[in-house]
Amino acid sequence: MDQPILRTFVAYVEDRPGVLNRVASLFRRRGYNIASLTVGRTHDPGISRMTVVMEADADAARRISANLYKLVNVLHVEDITHAEVVVRDLALIKVSVGQETRPQVLQLAEVFRARVVDLGIDAVTVEITGTQDKIDGLLDVLRPYGVLDMVRTGAIAMTRGARTSMPDPTGDDPRLESSPLMRDAGESPAS
């Protein structure tokens, strides 16, 4: 039997109210735990891109894709777990500092290529972008100084090279006919 692994799904959806709720509800109803969920606009007006990271085996991954496709506003879904991808997270970490520890914290931020975005008398906030391991590494070395607060975006992922996860709007997916992508292109897949 196939063992569950962390899988990354990319879903292109219409940018409309309630779409995120419907996608999250689908995962809740099926009993899947989402490890990371990010949503943002794409270069195409009216289209948003969701990156969902969750643990699933191959069979569950196929079911998840199929169930996502059943949602009205979902245009395209792809499991990019085994594709060559670039994956990044963003984190803001606020660390307690004093006169003696400030230079050490700033040096650690520099080593991890993190940017200082707020410098106060008793706290420093750094911004770091990178892999989950890189962010975890910085967090581990900053903990002894006193991490006051931290927030992370969750993973965003994109396939490498010229390949894209979004299908060509002139393709033969009938659900693209009424999508904003097709309205902007001024044609339908049948033409």
Protein backbone atom coordinates (compact mmCIF):
# COMPACT_ATOMS: atom_id res chain seq x y z
CA MET A 1 0.00 0.00 0.00
CA ASP A 2 1.14 3.51 -0.87
CA GLN A 3 2.28 5.54 2.15
CA PRO A 4 0.89 9.04 2.71
CA ILE A 5 3.36 11.81 1.87
CA LEU A 6 3.17 15.60 1.85
CA ARG A 7 1.63 16.52 -1.50
CA THR A 8 1.37 19.90 -3.18
CA PHE A 9 -1.70 20.75 -5.25
CA VAL A 10 -2.12 23.84 -7.40
CA ALA A 11 -5.68 24.90 -8.20
CA TYR A 12 -6.65 27.76 -10.48
CA VAL A 13 -10.01 29.18 -9.47
CA GLU A 14 -12.28 32.03 -10.45
CA ASP A 15 -11.66 35.02 -8.20
CA ARG A 16 -15.14 35.14 -6.64
CA PRO A 17 -16.56 35.36 -3.13
CA GLY A 18 -16.97 32.00 -1.37
CA VAL A 19 -14.54 29.97 -3.51
CA LEU A 20 -11.98 29.57 -0.71
CA ASN A 21 -14.74 28.52 1.69
CA ARG A 22 -15.98 25.84 -0.75
CA VAL A 23 -12.48 24.45 -1.26
CA ALA A 24 -11.72 24.41 2.49
CA SER A 25 -15.12 22.80 3.18
CA LEU A 26 -14.37 20.04 0.71
CA PHE A 27 -11.20 19.15 2.63
CA ARG A 28 -13.07 19.36 5.95
CA ARG A 29 -15.91 17.11 4.77
CA ARG A 30 -13.46 14.50 3.52
CA GLY A 31 -11.48 14.61 6.79
CA TYR A 32 -8.21 15.86 5.26
CA ASN A 33 -5.92 18.12 7.25
CA ILE A 34 -4.40 21.00 5.28
CA ALA A 35 -0.76 21.60 6.28
CA SER A 36 -0.50 24.81 4.24
CA LEU A 37 -2.92 26.87 2.14
CA THR A 38 -2.06 30.02 0.23
CA VAL A 39 -4.21 31.94 -2.21
CA GLY A 40 -3.33 34.86 -4.42
CA ARG A 41 -4.15 36.55 -7.70
CA THR A 42 -2.42 35.47 -10.90
CA HIS A 43 -1.30 37.45 -13.92
CA ASP A 44 -4.74 36.73 -15.45
CA PRO A 45 -7.48 39.09 -14.17
CA GLY A 46 -10.26 37.19 -12.43
CA ILE A 47 -8.15 34.07 -11.78
CA SER A 48 -6.62 33.17 -8.42
CA ARG A 49 -4.15 30.40 -7.65
CA MET A 50 -4.35 28.18 -4.59
CA THR A 51 -1.41 26.17 -3.33
CA VAL A 52 -2.52 23.42 -0.95
CA VAL A 53 -0.06 21.20 0.92
CA MET A 54 -1.45 18.14 2.69
CA GLU A 55 -0.59 14.57 3.55
CA ALA A 56 -2.14 11.94 1.28
CA ASP A 57 -1.36 8.70 -0.51
CA ALA A 58 -1.66 8.36 -4.31
CA ASP A 59 -5.29 7.18 -4.21
CA ALA A 60 -6.37 10.02 -1.91
CA ALA A 61 -4.50 12.50 -4.14
CA ARG A 62 -6.51 11.34 -7.18
CA ARG A 63 -9.76 11.66 -5.21
CA ILE A 64 -8.82 15.15 -4.01
CA SER A 65 -8.14 16.31 -7.58
CA ALA A 66 -11.41 14.79 -8.81
CA ASN A 67 -13.42 16.35 -5.99
CA LEU A 68 -11.84 19.78 -6.53
CA TYR A 69 -12.80 19.59 -10.22
CA LYS A 70 -16.44 19.10 -9.17
CA LEU A 71 -16.49 22.56 -7.59
CA VAL A 72 -18.05 25.11 -9.94
CA ASN A 73 -15.39 27.83 -9.73
CA VAL A 74 -12.35 25.51 -10.00
CA LEU A 75 -10.78 25.84 -13.45
CA HIS A 76 -7.77 23.54 -13.21
CA VAL A 77 -6.08 21.31 -10.61
CA GLU A 78 -2.65 19.72 -10.68
CA ASP A 79 -0.75 17.59 -8.18
CA ILE A 80 2.81 18.93 -8.58
CA THR A 81 4.30 16.79 -5.82
CA HIS A 82 6.68 14.93 -8.12
CA ALA A 83 7.30 17.76 -10.61
CA GLU A 84 10.40 19.94 -10.57
CA VAL A 85 9.25 22.95 -8.59
CA VAL A 86 10.37 26.06 -6.79
CA VAL A 87 8.77 26.24 -3.34
CA ARG A 88 9.00 29.22 -1.00
CA ASP A 89 7.53 30.39 2.31
CA LEU A 90 7.66 33.88 3.82
CA ALA A 91 7.98 34.49 7.55
CA LEU A 92 8.14 37.51 9.83
CA ILE A 93 9.93 36.78 13.12
CA LYS A 94 10.01 39.27 16.01
CA VAL A 95 12.91 38.70 18.42
CA SER A 96 13.63 40.24 21.81
CA VAL A 97 16.96 42.10 21.87
CA GLY A 98 19.08 44.08 24.30
CA GLN A 99 22.23 46.13 23.74
CA GLU A 100 24.41 43.02 23.98
CA THR A 101 22.26 40.70 21.85
CA ARG A 102 21.21 43.10 19.07
CA PRO A 103 24.45 42.68 17.02
CA GLN A 104 24.22 38.88 17.34
CA VAL A 105 20.61 38.77 16.13
CA LEU A 106 21.40 41.10 13.22
CA GLN A 107 24.38 38.92 12.25
CA LEU A 108 22.25 35.76 12.33
CA ALA A 109 19.67 37.46 10.12
CA GLU A 110 22.42 38.36 7.67
CA VAL A 111 23.77 34.78 7.60
CA PHE A 112 20.29 33.50 6.68
CA ARG A 113 19.82 36.34 4.16
CA ALA A 114 16.87 37.65 6.12
CA ARG A 115 15.95 41.35 5.99
CA VAL A 116 15.42 43.51 9.04
CA VAL A 117 12.02 45.16 8.52
CA ASP A 118 11.58 46.74 11.97
CA LEU A 119 14.26 47.76 14.44
CA GLY A 120 13.07 48.82 17.86
CA ILE A 121 14.74 49.46 21.20
CA ASP A 122 13.84 46.05 22.61
CA ALA A 123 12.83 44.02 19.54
CA VAL A 124 13.89 43.29 15.97
CA THR A 125 11.57 41.95 13.26
CA VAL A 126 13.15 40.03 10.39
CA GLU A 127 11.61 38.90 7.13
CA ILE A 128 12.83 35.67 5.57
CA THR A 129 11.86 33.99 2.33
CA GLY A 130 12.94 30.48 1.48
CA THR A 131 12.34 26.82 1.94
CA GLN A 132 10.63 25.50 5.04
CA ASP A 133 13.98 24.12 6.27
CA LYS A 134 15.68 27.51 5.91
CA ILE A 135 12.94 29.27 7.87
CA ASP A 136 12.96 26.56 10.55
CA GLY A 137 16.77 26.90 10.78
CA LEU A 138 16.58 30.65 11.41
CA LEU A 139 13.80 30.16 13.93
CA ASP A 140 15.90 27.56 15.80
CA VAL A 141 18.93 29.87 16.13
CA LEU A 142 16.75 32.84 17.18
CA ARG A 143 14.79 30.96 19.88
CA PRO A 144 17.48 31.36 22.59
CA TYR A 145 17.21 35.15 22.19
CA GLY A 146 13.44 35.07 22.78
CA VAL A 147 11.06 34.86 19.83
CA LEU A 148 8.18 37.20 20.70
CA ASP A 149 6.01 36.55 17.66
CA MET A 150 6.12 34.79 14.31
CA VAL A 151 3.84 34.49 11.29
CA ARG A 152 4.32 32.40 8.13
CA THR A 153 2.52 32.52 4.81
CA GLY A 154 2.55 28.85 3.95
CA ALA A 155 4.08 27.37 0.84
CA ILE A 156 3.74 28.76 -2.65
CA ALA A 157 4.99 26.56 -5.48
CA MET A 158 5.63 26.91 -9.19
CA THR A 159 6.91 24.39 -11.70
CA ARG A 160 10.38 25.03 -13.12
CA GLY A 161 11.06 26.05 -16.71
CA ALA A 162 8.55 27.15 -19.35
CA ARG A 163 5.95 24.59 -18.25
CA THR A 164 2.84 26.05 -16.56
CA SER A 165 0.18 24.48 -14.38
CA MET A 166 -2.63 26.45 -16.01
CA PRO A 167 -3.94 25.02 -19.27
CA ASP A 168 -4.00 27.05 -22.48
CA PRO A 169 -7.32 28.97 -22.59
CA THR A 170 -7.80 27.78 -26.18
CA GLY A 171 -7.71 24.13 -25.02
CA ASP A 172 -10.70 21.80 -24.89
CA ASP A 173 -11.71 22.05 -21.21
CA PRO A 174 -15.46 22.92 -21.34
CA ARG A 175 -15.35 24.52 -17.89
CA LEU A 176 -13.07 27.23 -19.26
CA GLU A 177 -15.83 28.50 -21.60
CA SER A 178 -17.48 30.61 -18.91
CA SER A 179 -14.32 31.44 -16.98
CA PRO A 180 -12.90 34.98 -16.87
CA LEU A 181 -9.88 33.60 -18.72
CA MET A 182 -12.05 32.66 -21.72
CA ARG A 183 -14.08 35.88 -21.61
CA ASP A 184 -10.81 37.83 -21.79
CA ALA A 185 -9.57 35.69 -24.68
CA GLY A 186 -12.85 36.37 -26.54
CA GLU A 187 -13.24 32.79 -27.73
CA SER A 188 -14.47 29.45 -26.56
CA PRO A 189 -12.69 26.09 -26.65
CA ALA A 190 -15.18 24.87 -29.30
CA SER A 191 -14.17 27.57 -31.83
